[in-house]
Amino acid sequence: MADSPPRPLLGLLLRLAQQHWAQDIDAALAEAGFGDIRPPHANVFPFVGPDGIQVSELAQRARIRKQSMAEAVEQLEELGYVERRPDPHDRRARLVFLTPRGEAVRPVSLATGRRIEEQWGELVGQEEIATLRATLEALLASLSERGTTAQSAASTAERS
């Protein structure tokens, strides 16, 4: 009796779904005149608020290396999507802000994301998509809490 092939790991399934998502977002951005945005730049836009953010905080929120984030921010600055300004609370630091061109990316991404979710819901059912969202939100909240607890324990151990 032949063994059935192993089921793909969840990480692979998430990565493959994300690749489909990213392809659709990239196509919509290109169609809207933002064809110079590359996949690493997607780590910047969701995390820049109206009050700006330091590159180190951006990297932490996107869960990528600070050097990678600094490179993405530099590229986006050259392309006119972000600008860096002095941090009024820390003279040594600079904050990243979206320019008007950078702000114009958000509505395209959001509308496309909603359309993708709707299409995926048509493929597998809206209820399944809602369940997937709730499950991922719960998982991420638990992982975040666990990460905070683990970081606190590590900090306590370092001080001991």
C-alpha atoms as a PDB file:
ATOM      1  CA  MET A   1       0.000   0.000   0.000  1.00  0.00           C
ATOM      2  CA  ALA A   2       1.516   3.305  -1.078  1.00  0.00           C
ATOM      3  CA  ASP A   3       1.812   6.078   1.434  1.00  0.00           C
ATOM      4  CA  SER A   4      -0.121   9.186   0.561  1.00  0.00           C
ATOM      5  CA  PRO A   5       1.999  12.286   0.027  1.00  0.00           C
ATOM      6  CA  PRO A   6       2.445  14.423   3.129  1.00  0.00           C
ATOM      7  CA  ARG A   7       0.117  17.366   3.516  1.00  0.00           C
ATOM      8  CA  PRO A   8       1.827  20.683   2.860  1.00  0.00           C
ATOM      9  CA  LEU A   9       2.845  22.538   5.975  1.00  0.00           C
ATOM     10  CA  LEU A  10       0.776  25.549   6.942  1.00  0.00           C
ATOM     11  CA  GLY A  11       3.708  27.907   6.341  1.00  0.00           C
ATOM     12  CA  LEU A  12       3.929  26.841   2.705  1.00  0.00           C
ATOM     13  CA  LEU A  13       0.183  27.243   2.214  1.00  0.00           C
ATOM     14  CA  LEU A  14       0.265  30.736   3.747  1.00  0.00           C
ATOM     15  CA  ARG A  15       3.228  31.721   1.561  1.00  0.00           C
ATOM     16  CA  LEU A  16       1.570  30.460  -1.625  1.00  0.00           C
ATOM     17  CA  ALA A  17      -1.693  32.269  -0.812  1.00  0.00           C
ATOM     18  CA  GLN A  18       0.268  35.440  -0.044  1.00  0.00           C
ATOM     19  CA  GLN A  19       2.021  35.165  -3.415  1.00  0.00           C
ATOM     20  CA  HIS A  20      -1.350  35.116  -5.186  1.00  0.00           C
ATOM     21  CA  TRP A  21      -2.457  38.095  -3.103  1.00  0.00           C
ATOM     22  CA  ALA A  22       0.736  40.034  -3.861  1.00  0.00           C
ATOM     23  CA  GLN A  23       0.480  39.364  -7.618  1.00  0.00           C
ATOM     24  CA  ASP A  24      -3.018  40.851  -7.712  1.00  0.00           C
ATOM     25  CA  ILE A  25      -1.987  43.866  -5.623  1.00  0.00           C
ATOM     26  CA  ASP A  26       1.107  44.436  -7.789  1.00  0.00           C
ATOM     27  CA  ALA A  27      -0.988  44.299 -10.967  1.00  0.00           C
ATOM     28  CA  ALA A  28      -3.499  46.809  -9.585  1.00  0.00           C
ATOM     29  CA  LEU A  29      -0.732  49.149  -8.447  1.00  0.00           C
ATOM     30  CA  ALA A  30       0.946  48.972 -11.857  1.00  0.00           C
ATOM     31  CA  GLU A  31      -2.364  49.684 -13.576  1.00  0.00           C
ATOM     32  CA  ALA A  32      -2.870  52.721 -11.297  1.00  0.00           C
ATOM     33  CA  GLY A  33       0.550  54.137 -12.207  1.00  0.00           C
ATOM     34  CA  PHE A  34       2.559  52.720  -9.307  1.00  0.00           C
ATOM     35  CA  GLY A  35       4.481  50.081 -11.256  1.00  0.00           C
ATOM     36  CA  ASP A  36       7.760  51.042  -9.617  1.00  0.00           C
ATOM     37  CA  ILE A  37       6.692  49.631  -6.247  1.00  0.00           C
ATOM     38  CA  ARG A  38       8.436  46.322  -5.546  1.00  0.00           C
ATOM     39  CA  PRO A  39       7.509  43.541  -3.082  1.00  0.00           C
ATOM     40  CA  PRO A  40       9.931  44.704  -0.333  1.00  0.00           C
ATOM     41  CA  HIS A  41       8.235  48.106  -0.391  1.00  0.00           C
ATOM     42  CA  ALA A  42       5.006  46.476   0.796  1.00  0.00           C
ATOM     43  CA  ASN A  43       6.648  46.236   4.235  1.00  0.00           C
ATOM     44  CA  VAL A  44       6.572  50.032   4.548  1.00  0.00           C
ATOM     45  CA  PHE A  45       3.138  51.342   3.545  1.00  0.00           C
ATOM     46  CA  PRO A  46       0.913  49.594   6.134  1.00  0.00           C
ATOM     47  CA  PHE A  47       2.955  50.821   9.090  1.00  0.00           C
ATOM     48  CA  VAL A  48       3.544  54.528   8.361  1.00  0.00           C
ATOM     49  CA  GLY A  49       1.042  56.603  10.316  1.00  0.00           C
ATOM     50  CA  PRO A  50       0.302  60.319  10.092  1.00  0.00           C
ATOM     51  CA  ASP A  51       2.827  61.120  12.843  1.00  0.00           C
ATOM     52  CA  GLY A  52       5.658  59.285  11.069  1.00  0.00           C
ATOM     53  CA  ILE A  53       7.726  56.367  12.298  1.00  0.00           C
ATOM     54  CA  GLN A  54      11.390  55.552  12.756  1.00  0.00           C
ATOM     55  CA  VAL A  55      12.966  52.953  10.470  1.00  0.00           C
ATOM     56  CA  SER A  56      13.796  50.721  13.446  1.00  0.00           C
ATOM     57  CA  GLU A  57      10.133  50.677  14.507  1.00  0.00           C
ATOM     58  CA  LEU A  58       9.053  50.002  10.916  1.00  0.00           C
ATOM     59  CA  ALA A  59      11.421  47.047  10.777  1.00  0.00           C
ATOM     60  CA  GLN A  60      10.119  45.708  14.074  1.00  0.00           C
ATOM     61  CA  ARG A  61       6.473  45.977  13.008  1.00  0.00           C
ATOM     62  CA  ALA A  62       7.155  44.376   9.610  1.00  0.00           C
ATOM     63  CA  ARG A  63       9.352  41.739  11.265  1.00  0.00           C
ATOM     64  CA  ILE A  64      12.279  42.291   8.930  1.00  0.00           C
ATOM     65  CA  ARG A  65      15.898  43.309   9.454  1.00  0.00           C
ATOM     66  CA  LYS A  66      16.533  47.008  10.058  1.00  0.00           C
ATOM     67  CA  GLN A  67      18.988  47.081   7.133  1.00  0.00           C
ATOM     68  CA  SER A  68      16.348  45.684   4.774  1.00  0.00           C
ATOM     69  CA  MET A  69      13.821  48.258   5.940  1.00  0.00           C
ATOM     70  CA  ALA A  70      16.318  51.092   5.603  1.00  0.00           C
ATOM     71  CA  GLU A  71      16.997  49.996   2.026  1.00  0.00           C
ATOM     72  CA  ALA A  72      13.272  49.852   1.185  1.00  0.00           C
ATOM     73  CA  VAL A  73      12.704  53.306   2.727  1.00  0.00           C
ATOM     74  CA  GLU A  74      15.654  54.731   0.796  1.00  0.00           C
ATOM     75  CA  GLN A  75      14.292  53.341  -2.472  1.00  0.00           C
ATOM     76  CA  LEU A  76      10.803  54.660  -1.756  1.00  0.00           C
ATOM     77  CA  GLU A  77      12.259  58.060  -0.899  1.00  0.00           C
ATOM     78  CA  GLU A  78      14.077  58.146  -4.248  1.00  0.00           C
ATOM     79  CA  LEU A  79      10.797  57.222  -5.976  1.00  0.00           C
ATOM     80  CA  GLY A  80       8.877  59.969  -4.163  1.00  0.00           C
ATOM     81  CA  TYR A  81       6.633  57.795  -1.972  1.00  0.00           C
ATOM     82  CA  VAL A  82       8.132  58.687   1.417  1.00  0.00           C
ATOM     83  CA  GLU A  83      10.178  61.428   2.976  1.00  0.00           C
ATOM     84  CA  ARG A  84      12.299  61.488   6.090  1.00  0.00           C
ATOM     85  CA  ARG A  85      12.141  64.353   8.575  1.00  0.00           C
ATOM     86  CA  PRO A  86      13.850  64.989  11.910  1.00  0.00           C
ATOM     87  CA  ASP A  87      12.145  63.396  14.912  1.00  0.00           C
ATOM     88  CA  PRO A  88      11.058  66.281  17.188  1.00  0.00           C
ATOM     89  CA  HIS A  89      11.490  64.012  20.248  1.00  0.00           C
ATOM     90  CA  ASP A  90      14.943  62.656  19.363  1.00  0.00           C
ATOM     91  CA  ARG A  91      17.363  64.920  17.524  1.00  0.00           C
ATOM     92  CA  ARG A  92      19.464  61.940  16.435  1.00  0.00           C
ATOM     93  CA  ALA A  93      16.558  60.149  14.755  1.00  0.00           C
ATOM     94  CA  ARG A  94      14.497  60.722  11.629  1.00  0.00           C
ATOM     95  CA  LEU A  95      10.886  59.823  10.991  1.00  0.00           C
ATOM     96  CA  VAL A  96       9.450  58.339   7.809  1.00  0.00           C
ATOM     97  CA  PHE A  97       6.280  59.937   6.388  1.00  0.00           C
ATOM     98  CA  LEU A  98       4.252  59.107   3.303  1.00  0.00           C
ATOM     99  CA  THR A  99       4.224  61.817   0.651  1.00  0.00           C
ATOM    100  CA  PRO A 100       0.997  62.600  -1.223  1.00  0.00           C
ATOM    101  CA  ARG A 101       2.143  60.062  -3.835  1.00  0.00           C
ATOM    102  CA  GLY A 102       2.664  57.494  -1.080  1.00  0.00           C
ATOM    103  CA  GLU A 103      -0.760  58.238   0.408  1.00  0.00           C
ATOM    104  CA  ALA A 104      -2.302  57.637  -3.041  1.00  0.00           C
ATOM    105  CA  VAL A 105      -1.115  54.002  -2.910  1.00  0.00           C
ATOM    106  CA  ARG A 106      -3.311  53.118   0.070  1.00  0.00           C
ATOM    107  CA  PRO A 107      -6.750  53.430  -1.551  1.00  0.00           C
ATOM    108  CA  VAL A 108      -5.611  51.306  -4.497  1.00  0.00           C
ATOM    109  CA  SER A 109      -4.214  48.621  -2.196  1.00  0.00           C
ATOM    110  CA  LEU A 110      -7.271  48.629   0.068  1.00  0.00           C
ATOM    111  CA  ALA A 111      -9.776  48.452  -2.786  1.00  0.00           C
ATOM    112  CA  THR A 112      -7.792  45.675  -4.427  1.00  0.00           C
ATOM    113  CA  GLY A 113      -7.505  43.786  -1.146  1.00  0.00           C
ATOM    114  CA  ARG A 114     -11.272  43.963  -0.658  1.00  0.00           C
ATOM    115  CA  ARG A 115     -11.807  42.732  -4.222  1.00  0.00           C
ATOM    116  CA  ILE A 116      -9.404  39.822  -3.678  1.00  0.00           C
ATOM    117  CA  GLU A 117     -11.176  38.819  -0.475  1.00  0.00           C
ATOM    118  CA  GLU A 118     -14.502  38.916  -2.296  1.00  0.00           C
ATOM    119  CA  GLN A 119     -13.121  36.782  -5.142  1.00  0.00           C
ATOM    120  CA  TRP A 120     -11.602  34.280  -2.737  1.00  0.00           C
ATOM    121  CA  GLY A 121     -14.925  34.131  -0.910  1.00  0.00           C
ATOM    122  CA  GLU A 122     -16.621  33.287  -4.197  1.00  0.00           C
ATOM    123  CA  LEU A 123     -14.104  30.480  -4.704  1.00  0.00           C
ATOM    124  CA  VAL A 124     -14.333  28.817  -1.283  1.00  0.00           C
ATOM    125  CA  GLY A 125     -17.246  30.550   0.449  1.00  0.00           C
ATOM    126  CA  GLN A 126     -17.545  33.826   2.343  1.00  0.00           C
ATOM    127  CA  GLU A 127     -17.970  31.965   5.627  1.00  0.00           C
ATOM    128  CA  GLU A 128     -14.676  30.122   5.116  1.00  0.00           C
ATOM    129  CA  ILE A 129     -12.887  33.411   4.442  1.00  0.00           C
ATOM    130  CA  ALA A 130     -14.438  34.935   7.578  1.00  0.00           C
ATOM    131  CA  THR A 131     -13.323  31.900   9.574  1.00  0.00           C
ATOM    132  CA  LEU A 132      -9.825  32.102   8.102  1.00  0.00           C
ATOM    133  CA  ARG A 133      -9.608  35.794   9.059  1.00  0.00           C
ATOM    134  CA  ALA A 134     -10.815  35.131  12.621  1.00  0.00           C
ATOM    135  CA  THR A 135      -8.420  32.205  13.021  1.00  0.00           C
ATOM    136  CA  LEU A 136      -5.437  34.181  11.737  1.00  0.00           C
ATOM    137  CA  GLU A 137      -6.323  37.171  13.945  1.00  0.00           C
ATOM    138  CA  ALA A 138      -6.558  34.913  17.003  1.00  0.00           C
ATOM    139  CA  LEU A 139      -3.318  33.153  16.124  1.00  0.00           C
ATOM    140  CA  LEU A 140      -1.448  36.420  15.580  1.00  0.00           C
ATOM    141  CA  ALA A 141      -2.788  37.869  18.837  1.00  0.00           C
ATOM    142  CA  SER A 142      -1.661  34.769  20.729  1.00  0.00           C
ATOM    143  CA  LEU A 143       1.739  34.774  19.058  1.00  0.00           C
ATOM    144  CA  SER A 144       2.146  38.466  19.788  1.00  0.00           C
ATOM    145  CA  GLU A 145       1.228  37.927  23.434  1.00  0.00           C
ATOM    146  CA  ARG A 146       3.575  34.958  23.650  1.00  0.00           C
ATOM    147  CA  GLY A 147       6.341  37.006  22.035  1.00  0.00           C
ATOM    148  CA  THR A 148       5.832  39.801  24.547  1.00  0.00           C
ATOM    149  CA  THR A 149       5.890  37.302  27.409  1.00  0.00           C
ATOM    150  CA  ALA A 150       9.023  35.644  26.018  1.00  0.00           C
ATOM    151  CA  GLN A 151      10.716  39.025  25.530  1.00  0.00           C
ATOM    152  CA  SER A 152       9.820  40.062  29.094  1.00  0.00           C
ATOM    153  CA  ALA A 153      11.221  36.805  30.459  1.00  0.00           C
ATOM    154  CA  ALA A 154      14.428  37.258  28.455  1.00  0.00           C
ATOM    155  CA  SER A 155      14.788  40.852  29.699  1.00  0.00           C
ATOM    156  CA  THR A 156      14.252  39.716  33.290  1.00  0.00           C
ATOM    157  CA  ALA A 157      16.834  36.944  32.873  1.00  0.00           C
ATOM    158  CA  GLU A 158      19.374  39.434  31.458  1.00  0.00           C
ATOM    159  CA  ARG A 159      18.949  41.725  34.493  1.00  0.00           C
ATOM    160  CA  SER A 160      19.364  38.830  36.951  1.00  0.00           C
END
